[in-house]
Amino acid sequence: MSNRQTQSDVILIGAGIMSATLGSLLKELVPDWEIKVFEKLASAGEESSNEWNNAGTGHAALCELNYTDEKPDGSIDISKAIKINEQFQVSRQFWSYLVDHNLIRNPQDFIMPLPHMSMVQGEKNVSFLKKRFEAMTANPLFQGMEFSDDPKKLMEWIPLIMEGRTSNEPIAATKIDSGTDVNFGALTRILFDYLKSKNVEIKFKQNVDDIKRTRDGLWELKVRNLDTGTVERHTAKFVFIGGGGGSLPLLQKSGIPEGKNIGGFPVSGLFMVCNNPDVVEQHHAKVYGKAPVGAPPMSVPHLDTRYIDNKKSLLFGPFAGFSPKFLKTGSMFDLIGSVKPNNVVTMLAAGAKNVSLTKYLIQQVMLSKEKRMEELRQFVPSAKSEDWDLVVAGQRVQVIKDTEAGGKGTLQFGTEVVSGADGSIAALLGASPGASTAVSVMLELIKKCFPQHMKAWEPKLKEMIPSYGESLLKKPELIDEINTSTSRTLGLSRELQHAN
């Protein structure tokens, strides 16, 4: 066992999209800071960021119905959709900056233009979708969205979904061509290649066993090499815990008061993948439906065209699942190990409140292939069992905490940044819509943890993200400008699409 010690300015734990984004932002803001990355697995972007472990939707709230709620008076609240759309615009601007400055290349390796659609069945849902369409198209962020309840039009848009449909139930869809498919695994790997070229040390197969505060205010990490078993100690002024489901145990080890009374609830996902190229070719969109009553928000059924390894794929899901692991490569004891004296009441309260959710997840795990096929046939009436295989997607850990609105043990379905009072440590917990909003989430973290530098960093932030500090809604002229320039840089503009 070696006890070699080294000191850095910044240590990032976990080589996923969040660490990749934070590292890239910091490298542009302060090129001379020394940054180290420790990752448990053998390469970057292998857990939640991996392309097979998430839906790859460039989440701009164009198609996800759970971001637009119907209020008791029948009106549609689109405020959450606006927030998520603005966050995705920030990500696009940062990626464009990196491409423009030749810091990363070949954007088509990670982002592709793809129509985003919402589809509903039944009179009540059709009426909701029409109202949602009217509310959204009145907003400059959602220009270009179309609505149709005409079966002929829908046959043009989604032939695979419409063909062989025998039900007389009303059906409607919205379509917007400015949607994208994002390969977050590829993007993560591309960003880490860029960081490597900037002398960031990225060490794989390294497990962070412990994390504690030293007398001089630094953070000391006990890092074990999983190949050799040797242990090294590394210290840093700032630590980011970006280990997906593995973040909660490390946050607990840090001992910061902000990490107390927080628990985690693991939810896994499964997708059906089409193995018949003829079927794959008949569909070209991400089509989101409505989640069944009682299902968690991440279980919204969707039929997605995806570009993985530069090949067109077709996925349907997600079917929710349950496993006590916090990571796909985690341990069966993760959940039980995360229960501590300071969060046991929170966890028990969550258990009592979410009996129906737990029951739903267990039912989902028990589904036979034929039952899953029946769900798929609600989308694709002609689906044949032999054309579809089951793939286990990523593991998400939803945050459980005590809130004023929800009381003890409230399950959160968003992304949560927990940081120490002095800004020297931060952890990212939770999931959805996660990766798409990575740049916004990391900018918030930078603001919270490095307030003393913000004034000096502002010009550079403005250069990287032209809308930084502005609300796009208050400056509609910025929306067009940003959309046009990022679409051109990232290869998403109509002219380029037709050229492809």
Protein backbone atom coordinates (compact mmCIF):
# COMPACT_ATOMS: atom_id res chain seq x y z
CA MET A 1 0.00 0.00 0.00
CA SER A 2 1.47 3.32 -1.08
CA ASN A 3 0.52 6.61 0.52
CA ARG A 4 1.77 8.97 -2.17
CA GLN A 5 0.18 12.39 -1.80
CA THR A 6 -0.50 14.98 -4.47
CA GLN A 7 -2.34 18.29 -4.43
CA SER A 8 -4.55 19.85 -7.13
CA ASP A 9 -6.80 22.88 -7.51
CA VAL A 10 -9.79 20.78 -8.53
CA ILE A 11 -10.67 17.09 -8.31
CA LEU A 12 -13.61 15.69 -10.27
CA ILE A 13 -14.99 12.33 -9.13
CA GLY A 14 -16.64 10.37 -11.92
CA ALA A 15 -15.96 10.66 -15.67
CA GLY A 16 -19.53 11.33 -16.81
CA ILE A 17 -21.15 14.22 -18.68
CA MET A 18 -21.34 16.43 -15.56
CA SER A 19 -17.62 16.22 -14.68
CA ALA A 20 -16.76 16.56 -18.39
CA THR A 21 -18.86 19.74 -18.59
CA LEU A 22 -17.57 21.28 -15.35
CA GLY A 23 -13.95 20.44 -16.26
CA SER A 24 -14.35 21.99 -19.74
CA LEU A 25 -15.93 25.18 -18.37
CA LEU A 26 -13.21 25.59 -15.72
CA LYS A 27 -10.39 24.87 -18.21
CA GLU A 28 -11.67 27.69 -20.43
CA LEU A 29 -12.14 30.07 -17.48
CA VAL A 30 -8.84 29.35 -15.69
CA PRO A 31 -6.50 27.40 -17.98
CA ASP A 32 -3.71 27.23 -15.38
CA TRP A 33 -5.72 25.44 -12.67
CA GLU A 34 -4.62 21.87 -12.12
CA ILE A 35 -7.55 19.47 -12.54
CA LYS A 36 -7.59 15.72 -11.82
CA VAL A 37 -10.33 13.21 -12.59
CA PHE A 38 -10.88 9.84 -10.91
CA GLU A 39 -13.19 7.25 -12.48
CA LYS A 40 -14.04 3.80 -11.14
CA LEU A 41 -14.64 2.21 -14.56
CA ALA A 42 -12.17 1.60 -17.39
CA SER A 43 -13.30 4.50 -19.60
CA ALA A 44 -15.32 7.73 -19.64
CA GLY A 45 -19.10 7.98 -20.03
CA GLU A 46 -19.86 4.37 -19.17
CA GLU A 47 -22.62 4.74 -16.54
CA SER A 48 -25.61 7.14 -16.77
CA SER A 49 -23.97 9.16 -19.58
CA ASN A 50 -23.58 6.10 -21.81
CA GLU A 51 -25.68 6.24 -24.98
CA TRP A 52 -27.46 2.96 -24.13
CA ASN A 53 -28.25 4.12 -20.60
CA ASN A 54 -30.34 7.23 -21.35
CA ALA A 55 -32.94 8.34 -23.87
CA GLY A 56 -30.56 10.61 -25.81
CA THR A 57 -33.24 13.26 -26.11
CA GLY A 58 -31.85 16.75 -26.44
CA HIS A 59 -34.30 17.69 -23.71
CA ALA A 60 -35.71 21.01 -24.88
CA ALA A 61 -39.20 20.24 -23.50
CA LEU A 62 -40.55 20.07 -27.05
CA CYS A 63 -42.20 16.66 -26.68
CA GLU A 64 -42.28 15.66 -22.99
CA LEU A 65 -45.86 16.08 -21.80
CA ASN A 66 -44.92 15.87 -18.11
CA TYR A 67 -43.26 19.32 -18.36
CA THR A 68 -46.60 20.99 -19.14
CA ASP A 69 -49.33 20.62 -16.51
CA GLU A 70 -53.01 21.26 -16.86
CA LYS A 71 -54.13 23.58 -14.07
CA PRO A 72 -57.51 23.16 -12.30
CA ASP A 73 -59.00 25.95 -14.47
CA GLY A 74 -58.06 23.99 -17.63
CA SER A 75 -55.21 26.28 -18.68
CA ILE A 76 -51.75 24.85 -19.41
CA ASP A 77 -48.74 25.80 -17.30
CA ILE A 78 -45.65 25.79 -19.56
CA SER A 79 -43.23 27.43 -17.11
CA LYS A 80 -41.24 24.21 -16.53
CA ALA A 81 -40.98 23.64 -20.30
CA ILE A 82 -39.66 27.20 -20.75
CA LYS A 83 -37.01 26.69 -18.06
CA ILE A 84 -35.80 23.39 -19.55
CA ASN A 85 -35.78 24.79 -23.09
CA GLU A 86 -33.68 27.77 -21.99
CA GLN A 87 -31.26 25.42 -20.23
CA PHE A 88 -30.85 23.30 -23.36
CA GLN A 89 -30.18 26.47 -25.40
CA VAL A 90 -27.30 27.19 -22.98
CA SER A 91 -25.83 23.71 -23.59
CA ARG A 92 -26.08 24.22 -27.36
CA GLN A 93 -24.26 27.55 -27.10
CA PHE A 94 -21.38 26.06 -25.13
CA TRP A 95 -21.02 23.09 -27.51
CA SER A 96 -21.04 25.55 -30.44
CA TYR A 97 -18.31 27.63 -28.79
CA LEU A 98 -16.13 24.50 -28.42
CA VAL A 99 -16.70 23.53 -32.08
CA ASP A 100 -16.15 27.11 -33.31
CA HIS A 101 -12.81 27.30 -31.51
CA ASN A 102 -11.70 23.87 -32.80
CA LEU A 103 -11.56 22.56 -29.26
CA ILE A 104 -13.85 19.70 -30.26
CA ARG A 105 -14.63 18.48 -33.78
CA ASN A 106 -17.27 16.54 -35.72
CA PRO A 107 -20.43 17.61 -33.88
CA GLN A 108 -22.40 15.06 -35.95
CA ASP A 109 -20.73 12.40 -33.77
CA PHE A 110 -22.81 13.57 -30.82
CA ILE A 111 -25.79 15.64 -32.05
CA MET A 112 -28.24 15.04 -34.90
CA PRO A 113 -31.38 16.89 -36.02
CA LEU A 114 -34.52 14.87 -35.33
CA PRO A 115 -38.21 15.84 -35.11
CA HIS A 116 -39.65 15.79 -31.59
CA MET A 117 -43.28 14.71 -31.35
CA SER A 118 -45.96 14.24 -28.69
CA MET A 119 -48.71 11.75 -29.42
CA VAL A 120 -51.92 11.10 -27.47
CA GLN A 121 -55.02 8.97 -27.81
CA GLY A 122 -58.56 9.57 -26.50
CA GLU A 123 -60.76 12.64 -26.60
CA LYS A 124 -59.63 14.13 -23.28
CA ASN A 125 -55.94 13.77 -24.15
CA VAL A 126 -56.45 15.20 -27.65
CA SER A 127 -58.11 18.27 -26.14
CA PHE A 128 -55.17 18.61 -23.66
CA LEU A 129 -52.62 18.35 -26.51
CA LYS A 130 -54.41 21.02 -28.56
CA LYS A 131 -54.45 23.41 -25.59
CA ARG A 132 -50.78 22.64 -24.91
CA PHE A 133 -49.94 23.31 -28.57
CA GLU A 134 -51.74 26.70 -28.43
CA ALA A 135 -49.97 27.70 -25.20
CA MET A 136 -46.55 26.68 -26.51
CA THR A 137 -46.76 28.18 -29.99
CA ALA A 138 -47.72 31.52 -28.46
CA ASN A 139 -44.20 31.48 -26.98
CA PRO A 140 -41.17 32.46 -29.11
CA LEU A 141 -39.16 29.47 -27.79
CA PHE A 142 -41.50 26.94 -29.40
CA GLN A 143 -41.96 28.40 -32.88
CA GLY A 144 -42.37 25.90 -35.69
CA MET A 145 -44.49 23.38 -33.77
CA GLU A 146 -47.35 21.82 -35.78
CA PHE A 147 -50.50 20.06 -34.53
CA SER A 148 -52.63 17.51 -36.35
CA ASP A 149 -55.48 15.17 -35.53
CA ASP A 150 -55.93 14.21 -39.18
CA PRO A 151 -55.06 10.50 -39.66
CA LYS A 152 -53.79 11.22 -43.21
CA LYS A 153 -51.32 13.83 -41.94
CA LEU A 154 -50.28 11.56 -39.07
CA MET A 155 -49.67 8.76 -41.58
CA GLU A 156 -47.12 11.07 -43.28
CA TRP A 157 -45.47 11.96 -39.96
CA ILE A 158 -45.47 8.57 -38.23
CA PRO A 159 -46.29 5.75 -40.67
CA LEU A 160 -45.01 3.01 -38.33
CA ILE A 161 -47.34 4.19 -35.53
CA MET A 162 -50.37 4.71 -37.77
CA GLU A 163 -50.16 1.57 -39.89
CA GLY A 164 -52.52 -1.26 -38.94
CA ARG A 165 -54.29 0.88 -36.32
CA THR A 166 -57.83 -0.49 -35.88
CA SER A 167 -59.02 1.62 -32.94
CA ASN A 168 -61.47 4.43 -33.71
CA GLU A 169 -60.21 6.37 -30.71
CA PRO A 170 -59.26 9.96 -31.61
CA ILE A 171 -55.50 10.39 -32.00
CA ALA A 172 -53.41 13.57 -32.32
CA ALA A 173 -49.78 14.63 -32.39
CA THR A 174 -47.57 17.69 -32.37
CA LYS A 175 -44.34 17.84 -34.35
CA ILE A 176 -41.41 20.22 -34.25
CA ASP A 177 -38.45 19.76 -36.57
CA SER A 178 -35.90 21.62 -34.45
CA GLY A 179 -35.55 18.69 -32.00
CA THR A 180 -32.30 16.74 -31.63
CA ASP A 181 -30.93 13.34 -30.74
CA VAL A 182 -27.84 13.67 -28.54
CA ASN A 183 -25.33 10.90 -27.93
CA PHE A 184 -24.22 11.90 -24.44
CA GLY A 185 -21.75 9.01 -24.24
CA ALA A 186 -19.94 10.25 -27.36
CA LEU A 187 -20.08 13.87 -26.13
CA THR A 188 -18.60 12.84 -22.76
CA ARG A 189 -15.72 11.02 -24.46
CA ILE A 190 -15.11 13.96 -26.83
CA LEU A 191 -14.98 16.43 -23.89
CA PHE A 192 -12.55 14.22 -21.96
CA ASP A 193 -10.29 14.01 -25.05
CA TYR A 194 -10.30 17.82 -25.10
CA LEU A 195 -9.49 17.95 -21.35
CA LYS A 196 -6.64 15.47 -21.84
CA SER A 197 -5.18 17.73 -24.54
CA LYS A 198 -5.25 20.53 -21.92
CA ASN A 199 -3.13 18.43 -19.49
CA VAL A 200 -5.97 17.31 -17.26
CA GLU A 201 -4.97 14.03 -15.59
CA ILE A 202 -7.76 11.45 -16.00
CA LYS A 203 -7.24 8.25 -14.04
CA PHE A 204 -9.44 5.20 -14.68
CA LYS A 205 -10.11 2.15 -12.50
CA GLN A 206 -9.69 4.36 -9.42
CA ASN A 207 -12.17 4.09 -6.57
CA VAL A 208 -12.55 6.97 -4.11
CA ASP A 209 -12.85 5.07 -0.81
CA ASP A 210 -13.03 8.08 1.48
CA ILE A 211 -13.13 11.84 1.55
CA LYS A 212 -12.40 14.09 4.51
CA ARG A 213 -11.45 17.63 5.45
CA THR A 214 -7.86 18.35 6.45
CA ARG A 215 -6.84 20.85 9.13
CA ASP A 216 -5.78 23.40 6.54
CA GLY A 217 -9.21 23.35 4.88
CA LEU A 218 -8.33 21.14 1.90
CA TRP A 219 -10.20 17.97 0.96
CA GLU A 220 -8.27 14.71 1.14
CA LEU A 221 -9.35 11.76 -0.99
CA LYS A 222 -8.29 8.20 -0.32
CA VAL A 223 -8.07 6.69 -3.82
CA ARG A 224 -7.62 2.98 -4.46
CA ASN A 225 -6.30 1.57 -7.71
CA LEU A 226 -8.72 -1.24 -8.60
CA ASP A 227 -6.06 -3.15 -10.58
CA THR A 228 -3.22 -3.09 -8.07
CA GLY A 229 -4.97 -2.35 -4.77
CA THR A 230 -2.49 0.46 -3.99
CA VAL A 231 -3.88 3.47 -2.18
CA GLU A 232 -2.92 7.09 -2.81
CA ARG A 233 -4.04 10.25 -1.06
CA HIS A 234 -4.90 13.26 -3.16
CA THR A 235 -5.85 16.69 -1.84
CA ALA A 236 -7.63 19.57 -3.56
CA LYS A 237 -9.03 22.99 -2.80
CA PHE A 238 -12.28 22.08 -4.57
CA VAL A 239 -13.94 18.69 -5.08
CA PHE A 240 -16.88 17.88 -7.33
CA ILE A 241 -18.65 14.58 -6.68
CA GLY A 242 -20.17 13.77 -10.07
CA GLY A 243 -20.45 10.01 -9.73
CA GLY A 244 -24.12 9.59 -10.69
CA GLY A 245 -25.73 7.13 -8.28
CA GLY A 246 -22.37 6.81 -6.51
CA SER A 247 -22.43 10.47 -5.41
CA LEU A 248 -24.67 10.05 -2.35
CA PRO A 249 -22.36 7.67 -0.39
CA LEU A 250 -19.38 10.00 -1.04
CA LEU A 251 -21.39 13.06 -0.01
CA GLN A 252 -22.24 11.25 3.23
CA LYS A 253 -18.55 10.44 3.82
CA SER A 254 -17.62 14.12 3.41
CA GLY A 255 -19.59 14.83 6.60
CA ILE A 256 -20.86 18.26 5.46
CA PRO A 257 -24.10 19.24 7.22
CA GLU A 258 -25.76 19.98 3.85
CA GLY A 259 -25.50 16.27 3.00
CA LYS A 260 -27.45 15.13 6.04
CA ASN A 261 -31.15 14.07 5.95
CA ILE A 262 -30.83 13.18 2.26
CA GLY A 263 -31.56 9.71 0.95
CA GLY A 264 -31.66 8.05 -2.46
CA PHE A 265 -34.21 5.84 -4.19
CA PRO A 266 -32.83 3.74 -7.08
CA VAL A 267 -34.90 3.28 -10.23
CA SER A 268 -33.67 1.36 -13.25
CA GLY A 269 -34.94 1.40 -16.80
CA LEU A 270 -35.32 -1.11 -19.63
CA PHE A 271 -35.77 -0.46 -23.35
CA MET A 272 -36.96 -2.58 -26.24
CA VAL A 273 -34.55 -2.25 -29.20
CA CYS A 274 -35.60 -3.06 -32.76
CA ASN A 275 -33.27 -5.50 -34.52
CA ASN A 276 -35.03 -5.33 -37.92
CA PRO A 277 -33.47 -2.62 -40.18
CA ASP A 278 -36.62 -2.48 -42.37
CA VAL A 279 -38.72 -1.48 -39.35
CA VAL A 280 -36.06 1.00 -38.13
CA GLU A 281 -36.21 2.76 -41.52
CA GLN A 282 -39.97 3.36 -41.24
CA HIS A 283 -39.68 5.74 -38.29
CA HIS A 284 -37.85 9.06 -38.03
CA ALA A 285 -38.70 10.99 -34.83
CA LYS A 286 -38.78 10.90 -31.06
CA VAL A 287 -42.42 10.36 -30.17
CA TYR A 288 -43.43 10.81 -26.54
CA GLY A 289 -46.76 9.63 -25.14
CA LYS A 290 -48.45 10.05 -21.75
CA ALA A 291 -47.31 8.12 -18.67
CA PRO A 292 -49.84 5.66 -17.22
CA VAL A 293 -51.57 6.85 -14.03
CA GLY A 294 -49.35 6.14 -10.99
CA ALA A 295 -46.16 5.84 -13.04
CA PRO A 296 -43.13 8.01 -12.17
CA PRO A 297 -42.30 10.86 -14.61
CA MET A 298 -39.31 8.98 -16.01
CA SER A 299 -41.64 6.23 -17.27
CA VAL A 300 -43.22 8.26 -20.06
CA PRO A 301 -43.44 5.84 -23.01
CA HIS A 302 -41.57 6.96 -26.13
CA LEU A 303 -40.58 5.52 -29.50
CA ASP A 304 -37.21 6.97 -30.40
CA THR A 305 -35.06 7.08 -33.48
CA ARG A 306 -31.50 7.13 -32.15
CA TYR A 307 -28.07 7.52 -33.73
CA ILE A 308 -25.65 5.22 -31.92
CA ASP A 309 -22.20 4.46 -33.38
CA ASN A 310 -23.33 6.48 -36.44
CA LYS A 311 -26.05 3.92 -37.06
CA LYS A 312 -29.80 4.55 -36.95
CA SER A 313 -31.54 2.58 -34.16
CA LEU A 314 -35.10 2.39 -32.86
CA LEU A 315 -35.85 2.12 -29.14
CA PHE A 316 -39.10 1.91 -27.18
CA GLY A 317 -39.48 2.38 -23.46
CA PRO A 318 -38.63 2.96 -20.82
CA PHE A 319 -40.04 0.19 -18.69
CA ALA A 320 -39.21 1.04 -15.10
CA GLY A 321 -37.36 -1.48 -12.97
CA PHE A 322 -36.10 -1.76 -9.45
CA SER A 323 -32.71 -2.79 -8.16
CA PRO A 324 -31.10 -1.82 -4.83
CA LYS A 325 -27.92 -0.88 -6.73
CA PHE A 326 -27.06 2.84 -7.03
CA LEU A 327 -25.05 2.25 -10.21
CA LYS A 328 -25.44 -0.30 -12.98
CA THR A 329 -22.03 -1.59 -11.89
CA GLY A 330 -22.87 -1.04 -8.19
CA SER A 331 -23.51 -3.38 -5.26
CA MET A 332 -26.75 -5.00 -4.06
CA PHE A 333 -26.01 -3.36 -0.67
CA ASP A 334 -25.95 0.24 -1.99
CA LEU A 335 -29.47 1.13 -0.85
CA ILE A 336 -29.20 -0.38 2.61
CA GLY A 337 -25.69 1.10 3.04
CA SER A 338 -27.00 4.59 2.31
CA VAL A 339 -29.33 4.53 5.34
CA LYS A 340 -27.64 6.50 8.13
CA PRO A 341 -28.83 7.69 11.56
CA ASN A 342 -29.35 11.23 10.13
CA ASN A 343 -31.55 10.11 7.20
CA VAL A 344 -33.32 7.02 8.52
CA VAL A 345 -36.53 8.92 9.38
CA THR A 346 -36.51 10.60 5.94
CA MET A 347 -36.02 7.21 4.25
CA LEU A 348 -38.77 5.51 6.27
CA ALA A 349 -41.18 8.36 5.53
CA ALA A 350 -40.38 8.03 1.83
CA GLY A 351 -40.99 4.29 1.99
CA ALA A 352 -44.41 4.82 3.58
CA LYS A 353 -45.35 7.53 1.04
CA ASN A 354 -44.25 5.60 -2.02
CA VAL A 355 -45.77 2.18 -1.48
CA SER A 356 -47.73 2.48 -4.74
CA LEU A 357 -44.58 3.53 -6.64
CA THR A 358 -42.62 0.58 -5.23
CA LYS A 359 -45.48 -1.74 -6.16
CA TYR A 360 -45.53 -0.27 -9.69
CA LEU A 361 -41.75 -0.78 -10.09
CA ILE A 362 -41.95 -4.38 -8.90
CA GLN A 363 -44.83 -5.07 -11.32
CA GLN A 364 -42.72 -3.57 -14.11
CA VAL A 365 -39.78 -5.86 -13.26
CA MET A 366 -42.08 -8.90 -13.40
CA LEU A 367 -43.48 -8.08 -16.87
CA SER A 368 -43.04 -10.85 -19.43
CA LYS A 369 -41.71 -10.03 -22.91
CA GLU A 370 -45.23 -10.50 -24.30
CA LYS A 371 -46.64 -7.97 -21.80
CA ARG A 372 -43.96 -5.48 -22.86
CA MET A 373 -44.84 -6.17 -26.49
CA GLU A 374 -48.49 -5.37 -25.70
CA GLU A 375 -47.40 -1.94 -24.41
CA LEU A 376 -45.26 -1.43 -27.51
CA ARG A 377 -48.23 -2.32 -29.74
CA GLN A 378 -50.15 0.65 -28.31
CA PHE A 379 -47.51 2.64 -30.23
CA VAL A 380 -46.67 0.24 -33.06
CA PRO A 381 -49.74 -1.95 -33.75
CA SER A 382 -47.83 -4.19 -36.18
CA ALA A 383 -44.84 -4.87 -33.86
CA LYS A 384 -43.59 -8.48 -34.00
CA SER A 385 -41.92 -10.02 -30.94
CA GLU A 386 -39.00 -11.42 -32.94
CA ASP A 387 -38.06 -7.90 -34.16
CA TRP A 388 -37.46 -6.54 -30.66
CA ASP A 389 -34.90 -7.29 -27.92
CA LEU A 390 -34.72 -6.08 -24.32
CA VAL A 391 -31.83 -3.86 -23.15
CA VAL A 392 -31.22 -2.82 -19.54
CA ALA A 393 -30.68 0.94 -19.43
CA GLY A 394 -29.03 3.06 -16.75
CA GLN A 395 -29.62 3.17 -13.03
CA ARG A 396 -30.92 6.47 -11.60
CA VAL A 397 -30.98 7.46 -7.96
CA GLN A 398 -33.79 9.90 -7.21
CA VAL A 399 -33.21 12.25 -4.28
CA ILE A 400 -35.29 11.81 -1.12
CA LYS A 401 -35.37 14.79 1.21
CA ASP A 402 -37.57 16.71 3.61
CA THR A 403 -39.31 19.63 1.92
CA GLU A 404 -41.73 22.29 3.12
CA ALA A 405 -44.25 21.45 0.43
CA GLY A 406 -44.03 17.66 0.58
CA GLY A 407 -43.02 17.10 4.19
CA LYS A 408 -40.67 14.36 5.41
CA GLY A 409 -39.22 11.93 2.89
CA THR A 410 -40.34 13.60 -0.34
CA LEU A 411 -39.15 11.96 -3.54
CA GLN A 412 -37.61 14.46 -5.99
CA PHE A 413 -37.54 13.82 -9.73
CA GLY A 414 -35.07 16.53 -10.72
CA THR A 415 -31.36 17.22 -10.54
CA GLU A 416 -30.02 18.53 -7.26
CA VAL A 417 -26.68 20.22 -6.49
CA VAL A 418 -25.65 20.00 -2.84
CA SER A 419 -22.69 22.16 -1.89
CA GLY A 420 -20.82 22.94 1.31
CA ALA A 421 -21.33 26.36 2.90
CA ASP A 422 -17.84 27.56 1.90
CA GLY A 423 -18.18 26.30 -1.70
CA SER A 424 -15.18 23.96 -1.46
CA ILE A 425 -17.18 20.81 -2.24
CA ALA A 426 -20.29 20.05 -4.30
CA ALA A 427 -22.16 16.92 -5.29
CA LEU A 428 -24.66 16.32 -8.05
CA LEU A 429 -27.59 14.08 -7.16
CA GLY A 430 -30.74 12.99 -8.95
CA ALA A 431 -31.42 12.59 -12.62
CA SER A 432 -33.84 13.75 -15.30
CA PRO A 433 -33.52 15.79 -17.52
CA GLY A 434 -29.89 15.64 -16.44
CA ALA A 435 -27.41 15.56 -19.29
CA SER A 436 -29.25 18.01 -21.60
CA THR A 437 -29.09 20.71 -18.94
CA ALA A 438 -25.52 19.90 -17.86
CA VAL A 439 -24.07 23.29 -18.84
CA SER A 440 -26.73 25.29 -16.95
CA VAL A 441 -26.45 23.05 -13.89
CA MET A 442 -22.65 23.40 -13.86
CA LEU A 443 -22.82 27.19 -14.35
CA GLU A 444 -25.09 27.38 -11.27
CA LEU A 445 -22.57 25.28 -9.38
CA ILE A 446 -19.70 27.57 -10.46
CA LYS A 447 -21.68 30.62 -9.32
CA LYS A 448 -22.39 29.01 -5.95
CA CYS A 449 -18.89 27.66 -5.32
CA PHE A 450 -16.67 30.38 -6.83
CA PRO A 451 -18.54 33.66 -6.11
CA GLN A 452 -15.22 35.52 -5.62
CA HIS A 453 -14.23 34.87 -9.27
CA MET A 454 -17.54 35.58 -11.01
CA LYS A 455 -16.85 39.22 -11.85
CA ALA A 456 -13.52 38.37 -13.49
CA TRP A 457 -14.97 35.36 -15.30
CA GLU A 458 -18.05 37.10 -16.68
CA PRO A 459 -16.55 38.32 -20.02
CA LYS A 460 -15.33 34.79 -20.83
CA LEU A 461 -18.70 33.29 -19.81
CA LYS A 462 -20.43 35.77 -22.15
CA GLU A 463 -18.07 34.77 -24.96
CA MET A 464 -18.82 31.06 -24.46
CA ILE A 465 -22.55 31.52 -23.85
CA PRO A 466 -23.84 34.68 -25.57
CA SER A 467 -27.16 34.55 -23.66
CA TYR A 468 -25.36 34.23 -20.27
CA GLY A 469 -27.19 36.22 -17.60
CA GLU A 470 -30.11 37.05 -19.95
CA SER A 471 -33.57 35.55 -20.14
CA LEU A 472 -34.16 34.54 -23.74
CA LEU A 473 -37.85 35.32 -23.36
CA LYS A 474 -37.09 38.92 -22.51
CA LYS A 475 -34.91 39.17 -25.62
CA PRO A 476 -36.76 37.27 -28.39
CA GLU A 477 -34.31 38.60 -30.99
CA LEU A 478 -31.57 36.63 -29.20
CA ILE A 479 -33.54 33.38 -29.70
CA ASP A 480 -33.35 33.56 -33.51
CA GLU A 481 -29.76 34.68 -33.47
CA ILE A 482 -28.66 31.86 -31.14
CA ASN A 483 -30.74 29.22 -32.92
CA THR A 484 -29.31 30.17 -36.30
CA SER A 485 -25.68 30.32 -35.20
CA THR A 486 -25.72 27.14 -33.05
CA SER A 487 -27.64 25.22 -35.74
CA ARG A 488 -25.04 26.19 -38.34
CA THR A 489 -22.08 25.29 -36.11
CA LEU A 490 -23.55 22.01 -34.89
CA GLY A 491 -24.74 20.96 -38.35
CA LEU A 492 -28.44 21.15 -37.45
CA SER A 493 -29.69 23.75 -39.92
CA ARG A 494 -32.25 22.76 -42.55
CA GLU A 495 -29.91 23.34 -45.50
CA LEU A 496 -27.25 21.09 -43.97
CA GLN A 497 -29.86 18.45 -43.11
CA HIS A 498 -30.99 18.28 -46.74
CA ALA A 499 -27.37 18.11 -47.88
CA ASN A 500 -26.96 15.04 -45.66
